[in-house]
Amino acid sequence: MPEYQTLLVEQIDKIAHIQINRPDKVNAMNAAFWEELIQAFDWVDNTDSVRVVVISGAGKHFSAGIDLALLAQAANKMGKDIGRNADIVRRNVLRLQTSFNVVDECRKPVIAAIHGYCIGGAIDLISACDMRYSTPDAHFSIKEIDMGMAADVGTLQRLPHLIGDGMMRELAYTGRAFDGDEAARMGLVNRTFASHAELLSGVMAMAGEIASKSPLAIRGTKEMIRYSRDHSVDDGLNYIATWNAAMLQSDDLKLAMAAHMAKKTADFAD
């Protein structure tokens, strides 16, 4: 198991639990975090015994978003040439986007367990996850607008698919804070749990249920959902037909059918 400066990563049965681990800094996302998240998800994608990922925050909060010290460091690198400055900023933003793209593109389902602050870049992160759960008192905000900038690491692109265009615009234009109960009403989180302990317990139970299913079927389902988000219905139907032309020949289908008929739980290979 790799070791990280900003993350705690452990495998519990078939679940990878990735904790943002800078509690003394409100789990703010420093330079090391962005690189280590890519490394952690590379490990997840290449470890067949991992079937589901849970992301949470250590301490009192999920994450306060990007570390302001990182933005200050980037500003100090600016020179006098506008064109070259623009090129530097663009490459930096694209590199940060990659860190959350790997979450979106992960072959395994990713579940966010959110408590305390979930601000700015943390919204970008949870938007890239498959499902989100929180405590009622979690504190959400698309804070970038109050810093004089547009969110640029995925919120504006992914959030409309989760909560609708109008609600996304309201939150992005105003930066207003909202709690877990409102997040559940708008569909940002699937449900809330009364406490942090109950949140982690409930999310891990959900992850365990998903991990018990055919890993090929779960990966195919995620791939189809992601593909259909960005393509037409006809494109999506054509893709699933091609995908299942191979996947329906898997032993998982036979095992699942036999277990269903026998009213037993199937034991699928990784």
C-alpha atoms as a PDB file:
ATOM      1  CA  MET A   1       0.000   0.000   0.000  1.00  0.00           C
ATOM      2  CA  PRO A   2       1.535   3.357  -1.018  1.00  0.00           C
ATOM      3  CA  GLU A   3       2.020   6.028   1.660  1.00  0.00           C
ATOM      4  CA  TYR A   4       1.016   9.645   1.157  1.00  0.00           C
ATOM      5  CA  GLN A   5       1.520  13.054   2.776  1.00  0.00           C
ATOM      6  CA  THR A   6      -2.066  14.258   2.344  1.00  0.00           C
ATOM      7  CA  LEU A   7      -4.117  11.074   2.145  1.00  0.00           C
ATOM      8  CA  LEU A   8      -4.844   8.064   4.312  1.00  0.00           C
ATOM      9  CA  VAL A   9      -5.545   5.071   2.078  1.00  0.00           C
ATOM     10  CA  GLU A  10      -6.637   1.682   3.352  1.00  0.00           C
ATOM     11  CA  GLN A  11      -8.321  -1.343   1.847  1.00  0.00           C
ATOM     12  CA  ILE A  12     -11.136  -2.827   3.895  1.00  0.00           C
ATOM     13  CA  ASP A  13     -12.163  -6.093   2.272  1.00  0.00           C
ATOM     14  CA  LYS A  14     -13.027  -4.967  -1.275  1.00  0.00           C
ATOM     15  CA  ILE A  15     -13.449  -1.269  -0.430  1.00  0.00           C
ATOM     16  CA  ALA A  16     -10.710   1.369  -0.728  1.00  0.00           C
ATOM     17  CA  HIS A  17     -11.176   4.135   1.843  1.00  0.00           C
ATOM     18  CA  ILE A  18      -9.366   7.330   0.823  1.00  0.00           C
ATOM     19  CA  GLN A  19      -9.327  10.031   3.485  1.00  0.00           C
ATOM     20  CA  ILE A  20      -8.127  13.569   2.867  1.00  0.00           C
ATOM     21  CA  ASN A  21      -5.711  13.851   5.765  1.00  0.00           C
ATOM     22  CA  ARG A  22      -4.802  17.459   6.565  1.00  0.00           C
ATOM     23  CA  PRO A  23      -7.205  18.019   9.470  1.00  0.00           C
ATOM     24  CA  ASP A  24      -5.057  20.789  10.973  1.00  0.00           C
ATOM     25  CA  LYS A  25      -5.476  22.688   7.669  1.00  0.00           C
ATOM     26  CA  VAL A  26      -9.212  21.946   7.294  1.00  0.00           C
ATOM     27  CA  ASN A  27      -8.170  19.348   4.690  1.00  0.00           C
ATOM     28  CA  ALA A  28      -7.244  22.118   2.260  1.00  0.00           C
ATOM     29  CA  MET A  29      -5.884  20.804  -1.044  1.00  0.00           C
ATOM     30  CA  ASN A  30      -2.189  21.668  -1.281  1.00  0.00           C
ATOM     31  CA  ALA A  31       0.195  20.867  -4.133  1.00  0.00           C
ATOM     32  CA  ALA A  32       0.930  17.348  -2.874  1.00  0.00           C
ATOM     33  CA  PHE A  33      -2.787  16.508  -2.646  1.00  0.00           C
ATOM     34  CA  TRP A  34      -3.414  16.979  -6.367  1.00  0.00           C
ATOM     35  CA  GLU A  35      -0.551  14.680  -7.327  1.00  0.00           C
ATOM     36  CA  GLU A  36      -1.292  12.073  -4.663  1.00  0.00           C
ATOM     37  CA  LEU A  37      -4.947  11.770  -5.629  1.00  0.00           C
ATOM     38  CA  ILE A  38      -3.848  10.755  -9.135  1.00  0.00           C
ATOM     39  CA  GLN A  39      -1.462   8.183  -7.639  1.00  0.00           C
ATOM     40  CA  ALA A  40      -4.136   6.803  -5.311  1.00  0.00           C
ATOM     41  CA  PHE A  41      -6.642   6.329  -8.105  1.00  0.00           C
ATOM     42  CA  ASP A  42      -4.011   4.740 -10.321  1.00  0.00           C
ATOM     43  CA  TRP A  43      -3.553   2.195  -7.515  1.00  0.00           C
ATOM     44  CA  VAL A  44      -7.339   1.744  -7.239  1.00  0.00           C
ATOM     45  CA  ASP A  45      -7.782   1.201 -10.967  1.00  0.00           C
ATOM     46  CA  ASN A  46      -4.960  -1.346 -11.085  1.00  0.00           C
ATOM     47  CA  THR A  47      -5.939  -3.286  -7.956  1.00  0.00           C
ATOM     48  CA  ASP A  48      -8.585  -5.802  -9.000  1.00  0.00           C
ATOM     49  CA  SER A  49      -9.436  -6.685  -5.396  1.00  0.00           C
ATOM     50  CA  VAL A  50     -10.719  -3.110  -4.928  1.00  0.00           C
ATOM     51  CA  ARG A  51     -14.285  -2.848  -6.225  1.00  0.00           C
ATOM     52  CA  VAL A  52     -15.566   0.384  -4.644  1.00  0.00           C
ATOM     53  CA  VAL A  53     -13.958   3.604  -3.358  1.00  0.00           C
ATOM     54  CA  VAL A  54     -15.105   5.765  -0.441  1.00  0.00           C
ATOM     55  CA  ILE A  55     -13.709   9.308  -0.115  1.00  0.00           C
ATOM     56  CA  SER A  56     -14.007  11.148   3.198  1.00  0.00           C
ATOM     57  CA  GLY A  57     -12.188  13.767   5.233  1.00  0.00           C
ATOM     58  CA  ALA A  58     -10.213  13.210   8.422  1.00  0.00           C
ATOM     59  CA  GLY A  59     -11.090  15.347  11.425  1.00  0.00           C
ATOM     60  CA  LYS A  60     -13.989  17.800  11.596  1.00  0.00           C
ATOM     61  CA  HIS A  61     -14.380  18.575   7.885  1.00  0.00           C
ATOM     62  CA  PHE A  62     -14.441  17.010   4.432  1.00  0.00           C
ATOM     63  CA  SER A  63     -12.377  19.777   2.801  1.00  0.00           C
ATOM     64  CA  ALA A  64     -12.183  23.555   2.622  1.00  0.00           C
ATOM     65  CA  GLY A  65     -11.076  23.303  -1.016  1.00  0.00           C
ATOM     66  CA  ILE A  66      -7.871  24.475  -2.653  1.00  0.00           C
ATOM     67  CA  ASP A  67      -5.148  25.662  -0.302  1.00  0.00           C
ATOM     68  CA  LEU A  68      -4.824  29.439  -0.714  1.00  0.00           C
ATOM     69  CA  ALA A  69      -1.057  29.079  -0.291  1.00  0.00           C
ATOM     70  CA  LEU A  70      -1.045  27.121  -3.553  1.00  0.00           C
ATOM     71  CA  LEU A  71      -2.747  30.005  -5.340  1.00  0.00           C
ATOM     72  CA  ALA A  72      -0.227  32.422  -3.862  1.00  0.00           C
ATOM     73  CA  GLN A  73       2.653  30.267  -5.096  1.00  0.00           C
ATOM     74  CA  ALA A  74       1.137  30.226  -8.585  1.00  0.00           C
ATOM     75  CA  ALA A  75       0.778  34.024  -8.554  1.00  0.00           C
ATOM     76  CA  ASN A  76       4.436  34.419  -7.615  1.00  0.00           C
ATOM     77  CA  LYS A  77       5.461  32.555 -10.774  1.00  0.00           C
ATOM     78  CA  MET A  78       3.883  35.157 -13.045  1.00  0.00           C
ATOM     79  CA  GLY A  79       6.196  37.220 -15.226  1.00  0.00           C
ATOM     80  CA  LYS A  80       5.671  40.294 -17.395  1.00  0.00           C
ATOM     81  CA  ASP A  81       4.576  38.582 -20.607  1.00  0.00           C
ATOM     82  CA  ILE A  82       0.784  38.139 -20.684  1.00  0.00           C
ATOM     83  CA  GLY A  83       0.890  35.347 -23.258  1.00  0.00           C
ATOM     84  CA  ARG A  84       3.379  33.283 -21.293  1.00  0.00           C
ATOM     85  CA  ASN A  85       1.501  33.895 -18.069  1.00  0.00           C
ATOM     86  CA  ALA A  86      -1.683  32.665 -19.715  1.00  0.00           C
ATOM     87  CA  ASP A  87       0.079  29.529 -20.915  1.00  0.00           C
ATOM     88  CA  ILE A  88       1.363  28.797 -17.404  1.00  0.00           C
ATOM     89  CA  VAL A  89      -2.072  29.269 -15.831  1.00  0.00           C
ATOM     90  CA  ARG A  90      -3.791  27.150 -18.464  1.00  0.00           C
ATOM     91  CA  ARG A  91      -1.353  24.254 -17.993  1.00  0.00           C
ATOM     92  CA  ASN A  92      -1.738  24.484 -14.213  1.00  0.00           C
ATOM     93  CA  VAL A  93      -5.536  24.395 -14.420  1.00  0.00           C
ATOM     94  CA  LEU A  94      -5.481  21.432 -16.802  1.00  0.00           C
ATOM     95  CA  ARG A  95      -3.156  19.585 -14.409  1.00  0.00           C
ATOM     96  CA  LEU A  96      -5.536  20.204 -11.508  1.00  0.00           C
ATOM     97  CA  GLN A  97      -8.481  19.051 -13.632  1.00  0.00           C
ATOM     98  CA  THR A  98      -6.678  15.760 -14.236  1.00  0.00           C
ATOM     99  CA  SER A  99      -6.751  15.041 -10.500  1.00  0.00           C
ATOM    100  CA  PHE A 100     -10.554  14.995 -10.487  1.00  0.00           C
ATOM    101  CA  ASN A 101     -10.912  13.508 -13.967  1.00  0.00           C
ATOM    102  CA  VAL A 102      -9.297  10.339 -12.611  1.00  0.00           C
ATOM    103  CA  VAL A 103     -12.120  10.148 -10.045  1.00  0.00           C
ATOM    104  CA  ASP A 104     -14.786  10.538 -12.741  1.00  0.00           C
ATOM    105  CA  GLU A 105     -13.028   8.068 -15.034  1.00  0.00           C
ATOM    106  CA  CYS A 106     -12.243   5.456 -12.376  1.00  0.00           C
ATOM    107  CA  ARG A 107     -13.575   2.036 -13.422  1.00  0.00           C
ATOM    108  CA  LYS A 108     -14.939   1.481  -9.916  1.00  0.00           C
ATOM    109  CA  PRO A 109     -17.804   3.422  -8.251  1.00  0.00           C
ATOM    110  CA  VAL A 110     -16.653   6.293  -6.031  1.00  0.00           C
ATOM    111  CA  ILE A 111     -18.769   7.400  -3.061  1.00  0.00           C
ATOM    112  CA  ALA A 112     -18.223  10.674  -1.175  1.00  0.00           C
ATOM    113  CA  ALA A 113     -18.967  10.822   2.568  1.00  0.00           C
ATOM    114  CA  ILE A 114     -19.219  14.526   3.435  1.00  0.00           C
ATOM    115  CA  HIS A 115     -19.256  16.247   6.824  1.00  0.00           C
ATOM    116  CA  GLY A 116     -18.311  19.739   7.914  1.00  0.00           C
ATOM    117  CA  TYR A 117     -16.931  22.043   5.237  1.00  0.00           C
ATOM    118  CA  CYS A 118     -17.262  21.093   1.573  1.00  0.00           C
ATOM    119  CA  ILE A 119     -16.204  24.292  -0.135  1.00  0.00           C
ATOM    120  CA  GLY A 120     -14.811  25.391  -3.495  1.00  0.00           C
ATOM    121  CA  GLY A 121     -12.542  22.671  -4.868  1.00  0.00           C
ATOM    122  CA  ALA A 122     -14.252  20.125  -2.633  1.00  0.00           C
ATOM    123  CA  ILE A 123     -17.452  20.667  -4.639  1.00  0.00           C
ATOM    124  CA  ASP A 124     -15.425  19.954  -7.788  1.00  0.00           C
ATOM    125  CA  LEU A 125     -14.251  16.707  -6.192  1.00  0.00           C
ATOM    126  CA  ILE A 126     -17.632  15.416  -5.055  1.00  0.00           C
ATOM    127  CA  SER A 127     -19.150  16.342  -8.425  1.00  0.00           C
ATOM    128  CA  ALA A 128     -16.774  13.808  -9.983  1.00  0.00           C
ATOM    129  CA  CYS A 129     -17.959  11.034  -7.639  1.00  0.00           C
ATOM    130  CA  ASP A 130     -20.717   8.560  -8.460  1.00  0.00           C
ATOM    131  CA  MET A 131     -22.747   9.163  -5.318  1.00  0.00           C
ATOM    132  CA  ARG A 132     -22.652  11.572  -2.392  1.00  0.00           C
ATOM    133  CA  TYR A 133     -23.919  11.299   1.192  1.00  0.00           C
ATOM    134  CA  SER A 134     -23.584  13.827   4.009  1.00  0.00           C
ATOM    135  CA  THR A 135     -24.511  14.830   7.514  1.00  0.00           C
ATOM    136  CA  PRO A 136     -27.410  17.323   7.828  1.00  0.00           C
ATOM    137  CA  ASP A 137     -25.059  20.040   9.130  1.00  0.00           C
ATOM    138  CA  ALA A 138     -22.500  19.736   6.313  1.00  0.00           C
ATOM    139  CA  HIS A 139     -21.587  23.146   4.902  1.00  0.00           C
ATOM    140  CA  PHE A 140     -21.471  23.438   1.100  1.00  0.00           C
ATOM    141  CA  SER A 141     -20.493  26.450  -1.024  1.00  0.00           C
ATOM    142  CA  ILE A 142     -19.243  27.105  -4.563  1.00  0.00           C
ATOM    143  CA  LYS A 143     -16.912  29.665  -3.047  1.00  0.00           C
ATOM    144  CA  GLU A 144     -14.860  30.581  -6.115  1.00  0.00           C
ATOM    145  CA  ILE A 145     -17.193  33.454  -7.070  1.00  0.00           C
ATOM    146  CA  ASP A 146     -16.323  35.203  -3.776  1.00  0.00           C
ATOM    147  CA  MET A 147     -12.646  34.921  -4.693  1.00  0.00           C
ATOM    148  CA  GLY A 148     -13.255  36.725  -7.978  1.00  0.00           C
ATOM    149  CA  MET A 149     -12.970  33.683 -10.219  1.00  0.00           C
ATOM    150  CA  ALA A 150     -15.044  31.009 -11.961  1.00  0.00           C
ATOM    151  CA  ALA A 151     -14.786  27.451 -10.658  1.00  0.00           C
ATOM    152  CA  ASP A 152     -12.455  25.693 -13.091  1.00  0.00           C
ATOM    153  CA  VAL A 153     -11.903  22.099 -11.940  1.00  0.00           C
ATOM    154  CA  GLY A 154     -15.224  20.483 -12.848  1.00  0.00           C
ATOM    155  CA  THR A 155     -18.098  21.954 -10.825  1.00  0.00           C
ATOM    156  CA  LEU A 156     -19.603  24.016 -13.645  1.00  0.00           C
ATOM    157  CA  GLN A 157     -19.325  21.095 -16.072  1.00  0.00           C
ATOM    158  CA  ARG A 158     -20.564  18.217 -13.870  1.00  0.00           C
ATOM    159  CA  LEU A 159     -22.950  19.798 -11.372  1.00  0.00           C
ATOM    160  CA  PRO A 160     -25.727  20.643 -13.885  1.00  0.00           C
ATOM    161  CA  HIS A 161     -26.103  16.903 -14.543  1.00  0.00           C
ATOM    162  CA  LEU A 162     -26.644  16.357 -10.806  1.00  0.00           C
ATOM    163  CA  ILE A 163     -28.867  19.232  -9.629  1.00  0.00           C
ATOM    164  CA  GLY A 164     -30.079  20.897 -12.827  1.00  0.00           C
ATOM    165  CA  ASP A 165     -28.863  23.968 -14.686  1.00  0.00           C
ATOM    166  CA  GLY A 166     -30.892  26.617 -12.855  1.00  0.00           C
ATOM    167  CA  MET A 167     -29.903  25.529  -9.351  1.00  0.00           C
ATOM    168  CA  MET A 168     -26.267  25.197 -10.381  1.00  0.00           C
ATOM    169  CA  ARG A 169     -26.319  28.763 -11.726  1.00  0.00           C
ATOM    170  CA  GLU A 170     -27.864  30.104  -8.521  1.00  0.00           C
ATOM    171  CA  LEU A 171     -25.191  28.504  -6.372  1.00  0.00           C
ATOM    172  CA  ALA A 172     -22.324  29.391  -8.732  1.00  0.00           C
ATOM    173  CA  TYR A 173     -23.402  33.032  -9.176  1.00  0.00           C
ATOM    174  CA  THR A 174     -24.076  33.730  -5.488  1.00  0.00           C
ATOM    175  CA  GLY A 175     -21.623  31.438  -3.678  1.00  0.00           C
ATOM    176  CA  ARG A 176     -24.252  31.076  -0.941  1.00  0.00           C
ATOM    177  CA  ALA A 177     -23.819  28.354   1.637  1.00  0.00           C
ATOM    178  CA  PHE A 178     -26.282  25.484   2.030  1.00  0.00           C
ATOM    179  CA  ASP A 179     -26.463  22.543   4.398  1.00  0.00           C
ATOM    180  CA  GLY A 180     -26.817  18.801   3.956  1.00  0.00           C
ATOM    181  CA  ASP A 181     -30.602  18.848   4.186  1.00  0.00           C
ATOM    182  CA  GLU A 182     -30.849  21.308   1.283  1.00  0.00           C
ATOM    183  CA  ALA A 183     -28.201  19.337  -0.613  1.00  0.00           C
ATOM    184  CA  ALA A 184     -30.425  16.270  -0.283  1.00  0.00           C
ATOM    185  CA  ARG A 185     -33.521  18.168  -1.456  1.00  0.00           C
ATOM    186  CA  MET A 186     -31.734  19.403  -4.583  1.00  0.00           C
ATOM    187  CA  GLY A 187     -30.274  15.967  -5.305  1.00  0.00           C
ATOM    188  CA  LEU A 188     -26.624  16.783  -4.693  1.00  0.00           C
ATOM    189  CA  VAL A 189     -26.497  14.141  -1.969  1.00  0.00           C
ATOM    190  CA  ASN A 190     -28.553  10.940  -2.034  1.00  0.00           C
ATOM    191  CA  ARG A 191     -29.412  11.150   1.662  1.00  0.00           C
ATOM    192  CA  THR A 192     -28.123  12.437   4.982  1.00  0.00           C
ATOM    193  CA  PHE A 193     -27.028  10.596   8.127  1.00  0.00           C
ATOM    194  CA  ALA A 194     -27.486  12.069  11.594  1.00  0.00           C
ATOM    195  CA  SER A 195     -23.814  11.998  12.609  1.00  0.00           C
ATOM    196  CA  HIS A 196     -20.350  11.558  11.154  1.00  0.00           C
ATOM    197  CA  ALA A 197     -20.109   8.054  12.617  1.00  0.00           C
ATOM    198  CA  GLU A 198     -23.475   7.055  11.136  1.00  0.00           C
ATOM    199  CA  LEU A 199     -22.450   8.610   7.815  1.00  0.00           C
ATOM    200  CA  LEU A 200     -19.298   6.510   7.546  1.00  0.00           C
ATOM    201  CA  SER A 201     -21.110   3.378   8.717  1.00  0.00           C
ATOM    202  CA  GLY A 202     -23.941   3.875   6.220  1.00  0.00           C
ATOM    203  CA  VAL A 203     -21.635   4.679   3.319  1.00  0.00           C
ATOM    204  CA  MET A 204     -19.391   1.700   4.018  1.00  0.00           C
ATOM    205  CA  ALA A 205     -22.471  -0.541   4.138  1.00  0.00           C
ATOM    206  CA  MET A 206     -23.593   0.848   0.765  1.00  0.00           C
ATOM    207  CA  ALA A 207     -20.097   0.297  -0.638  1.00  0.00           C
ATOM    208  CA  GLY A 208     -20.121  -3.266   0.663  1.00  0.00           C
ATOM    209  CA  GLU A 209     -23.402  -3.995  -1.084  1.00  0.00           C
ATOM    210  CA  ILE A 210     -22.047  -2.654  -4.377  1.00  0.00           C
ATOM    211  CA  ALA A 211     -18.823  -4.636  -3.909  1.00  0.00           C
ATOM    212  CA  SER A 212     -20.853  -7.855  -3.645  1.00  0.00           C
ATOM    213  CA  LYS A 213     -22.116  -7.479  -7.232  1.00  0.00           C
ATOM    214  CA  SER A 214     -20.369  -8.636 -10.383  1.00  0.00           C
ATOM    215  CA  PRO A 215     -17.381  -6.286 -10.811  1.00  0.00           C
ATOM    216  CA  LEU A 216     -17.702  -6.533 -14.598  1.00  0.00           C
ATOM    217  CA  ALA A 217     -21.375  -5.603 -14.455  1.00  0.00           C
ATOM    218  CA  ILE A 218     -20.669  -2.665 -12.133  1.00  0.00           C
ATOM    219  CA  ARG A 219     -17.843  -1.385 -14.346  1.00  0.00           C
ATOM    220  CA  GLY A 220     -20.007  -1.727 -17.448  1.00  0.00           C
ATOM    221  CA  THR A 221     -22.879   0.111 -15.765  1.00  0.00           C
ATOM    222  CA  LYS A 222     -20.610   2.992 -14.736  1.00  0.00           C
ATOM    223  CA  GLU A 223     -19.063   3.185 -18.199  1.00  0.00           C
ATOM    224  CA  MET A 224     -22.489   3.359 -19.833  1.00  0.00           C
ATOM    225  CA  ILE A 225     -23.759   6.040 -17.433  1.00  0.00           C
ATOM    226  CA  ARG A 226     -20.665   8.204 -18.019  1.00  0.00           C
ATOM    227  CA  TYR A 227     -20.822   7.721 -21.782  1.00  0.00           C
ATOM    228  CA  SER A 228     -24.537   8.511 -21.990  1.00  0.00           C
ATOM    229  CA  ARG A 229     -24.051  11.729 -20.007  1.00  0.00           C
ATOM    230  CA  ASP A 230     -21.987  13.158 -22.871  1.00  0.00           C
ATOM    231  CA  HIS A 231     -23.599  11.453 -25.905  1.00  0.00           C
ATOM    232  CA  SER A 232     -26.970  11.019 -27.585  1.00  0.00           C
ATOM    233  CA  VAL A 233     -29.418   8.257 -26.704  1.00  0.00           C
ATOM    234  CA  ASP A 234     -28.679   6.516 -29.999  1.00  0.00           C
ATOM    235  CA  ASP A 235     -24.936   6.648 -29.343  1.00  0.00           C
ATOM    236  CA  GLY A 236     -25.446   5.210 -25.870  1.00  0.00           C
ATOM    237  CA  LEU A 237     -27.650   2.367 -27.104  1.00  0.00           C
ATOM    238  CA  ASN A 238     -25.138   1.465 -29.795  1.00  0.00           C
ATOM    239  CA  TYR A 239     -22.278   1.460 -27.277  1.00  0.00           C
ATOM    240  CA  ILE A 240     -24.059  -0.795 -24.763  1.00  0.00           C
ATOM    241  CA  ALA A 241     -24.910  -3.250 -27.554  1.00  0.00           C
ATOM    242  CA  THR A 242     -21.246  -3.452 -28.540  1.00  0.00           C
ATOM    243  CA  TRP A 243     -20.071  -3.619 -24.914  1.00  0.00           C
ATOM    244  CA  ASN A 244     -22.472  -6.411 -23.966  1.00  0.00           C
ATOM    245  CA  ALA A 245     -21.632  -8.407 -27.080  1.00  0.00           C
ATOM    246  CA  ALA A 246     -18.495  -9.322 -25.137  1.00  0.00           C
ATOM    247  CA  MET A 247     -19.522  -8.885 -21.500  1.00  0.00           C
ATOM    248  CA  LEU A 248     -22.609 -11.111 -21.676  1.00  0.00           C
ATOM    249  CA  GLN A 249     -20.236 -13.995 -22.355  1.00  0.00           C
ATOM    250  CA  SER A 250     -18.659 -13.556 -18.912  1.00  0.00           C
ATOM    251  CA  ASP A 251     -18.918 -16.269 -16.273  1.00  0.00           C
ATOM    252  CA  ASP A 252     -20.386 -13.599 -13.974  1.00  0.00           C
ATOM    253  CA  LEU A 253     -23.704 -13.836 -15.807  1.00  0.00           C
ATOM    254  CA  LYS A 254     -23.911 -17.589 -15.248  1.00  0.00           C
ATOM    255  CA  LEU A 255     -22.920 -17.224 -11.589  1.00  0.00           C
ATOM    256  CA  ALA A 256     -25.461 -14.467 -10.984  1.00  0.00           C
ATOM    257  CA  MET A 257     -28.276 -16.420 -12.629  1.00  0.00           C
ATOM    258  CA  ALA A 258     -27.446 -19.599 -10.705  1.00  0.00           C
ATOM    259  CA  ALA A 259     -27.253 -17.733  -7.399  1.00  0.00           C
ATOM    260  CA  HIS A 260     -30.555 -15.998  -8.085  1.00  0.00           C
ATOM    261  CA  MET A 261     -32.296 -19.277  -8.861  1.00  0.00           C
ATOM    262  CA  ALA A 262     -30.831 -20.907  -5.739  1.00  0.00           C
ATOM    263  CA  LYS A 263     -31.567 -17.820  -3.617  1.00  0.00           C
ATOM    264  CA  LYS A 264     -27.896 -17.580  -2.641  1.00  0.00           C
ATOM    265  CA  THR A 265     -25.244 -14.876  -2.849  1.00  0.00           C
ATOM    266  CA  ALA A 266     -22.871 -15.215  -5.800  1.00  0.00           C
ATOM    267  CA  ASP A 267     -19.122 -15.096  -5.217  1.00  0.00           C
ATOM    268  CA  PHE A 268     -17.587 -13.292  -8.182  1.00  0.00           C
ATOM    269  CA  ALA A 269     -13.926 -13.285  -9.174  1.00  0.00           C
ATOM    270  CA  ASP A 270     -12.090  -9.947  -8.933  1.00  0.00           C
END
